[in-house]
Amino acid sequence: MKFTFRRDGGGWKADVQYAPLLMTDTLPVRVLDVQRQLAKPDNTAAKRARLELAQRRTSEAVGALDASLKRL
């Protein structure tokens, strides 16, 4: 995640950016950039499905966090 803080009147605003990541479950363990991996044309159907699931879960988690922050 990347946070950028900026002044907004008398307070502060935070802009948040994130990149969905996926940790492999085979050795050697690697952390994959989901967007970059999805752009590759040689993905198997199973790998593509796992990457899309990671992307969806990350987006849902960030969306839930954003919604809860707005309620404060």
Protein backbone atom coordinates (compact mmCIF):
# COMPACT_ATOMS: atom_id res chain seq x y z
CA MET A 1 0.00 0.00 0.00
CA LYS A 2 1.06 3.54 -0.61
CA PHE A 3 -0.30 6.43 1.44
CA THR A 4 0.02 10.06 0.36
CA PHE A 5 -1.02 12.67 2.90
CA ARG A 6 -2.00 16.21 1.92
CA ARG A 7 -3.36 19.20 3.74
CA ASP A 8 -7.05 19.85 3.30
CA GLY A 9 -8.11 23.09 4.95
CA GLY A 10 -7.41 22.69 8.65
CA GLY A 11 -6.91 18.93 8.46
CA TRP A 12 -5.29 16.17 6.45
CA LYS A 13 -6.52 13.84 3.71
CA ALA A 14 -4.93 10.52 2.81
CA ASP A 15 -4.84 9.11 -0.71
CA VAL A 16 -4.40 5.34 -0.66
CA GLN A 17 -3.13 3.17 -3.49
CA TYR A 18 -2.72 -0.59 -3.38
CA ALA A 19 -1.56 -3.44 -5.58
CA PRO A 20 -3.07 -6.91 -5.19
CA LEU A 21 -0.37 -9.48 -4.42
CA LEU A 22 -0.40 -13.27 -4.28
CA MET A 23 2.05 -15.44 -2.36
CA THR A 24 2.70 -18.77 -4.06
CA ASP A 25 2.22 -21.95 -2.07
CA THR A 26 5.05 -23.93 -3.66
CA LEU A 27 8.79 -23.67 -3.14
CA PRO A 28 10.41 -21.37 -3.76
CA VAL A 29 7.75 -19.12 -2.28
CA ARG A 30 7.31 -15.92 -4.29
CA VAL A 31 5.16 -12.83 -4.04
CA LEU A 32 3.47 -12.07 -7.35
CA ASP A 33 2.08 -8.77 -8.61
CA VAL A 34 -1.41 -9.91 -9.63
CA GLN A 35 -1.92 -7.27 -12.34
CA ARG A 36 1.43 -8.02 -13.96
CA GLN A 37 0.82 -11.78 -13.86
CA LEU A 38 -2.69 -11.46 -15.32
CA ALA A 39 -1.25 -9.54 -18.28
CA LYS A 40 0.88 -12.54 -19.27
CA PRO A 41 -0.66 -14.55 -22.12
CA ASP A 42 0.78 -17.93 -21.05
CA ASN A 43 -1.23 -18.40 -17.82
CA THR A 44 -3.00 -21.69 -17.35
CA ALA A 45 -6.71 -21.57 -16.57
CA ALA A 46 -6.00 -22.62 -12.96
CA LYS A 47 -3.35 -19.93 -12.46
CA ARG A 48 -5.59 -17.26 -14.01
CA ALA A 49 -8.47 -18.28 -11.72
CA ARG A 50 -6.22 -18.10 -8.64
CA LEU A 51 -4.90 -14.67 -9.67
CA GLU A 52 -8.43 -13.38 -10.30
CA LEU A 53 -9.53 -14.68 -6.89
CA ALA A 54 -6.60 -12.87 -5.22
CA GLN A 55 -7.51 -9.68 -7.07
CA ARG A 56 -11.19 -9.93 -6.07
CA ARG A 57 -10.42 -10.69 -2.40
CA THR A 58 -7.96 -7.83 -2.15
CA SER A 59 -10.40 -5.38 -3.75
CA GLU A 60 -13.19 -6.52 -1.41
CA ALA A 61 -10.96 -6.18 1.67
CA VAL A 62 -9.79 -2.70 0.68
CA GLY A 63 -13.36 -1.70 -0.15
CA ALA A 64 -14.57 -2.88 3.25
CA LEU A 65 -11.80 -0.97 4.97
CA ASP A 66 -12.62 2.16 2.99
CA ALA A 67 -16.29 1.86 3.92
CA SER A 68 -15.52 1.46 7.60
CA LEU A 69 -13.16 4.44 7.58
CA LYS A 70 -15.83 6.67 6.05
CA ARG A 71 -18.20 5.77 8.89
CA LEU A 72 -15.82 7.12 11.56
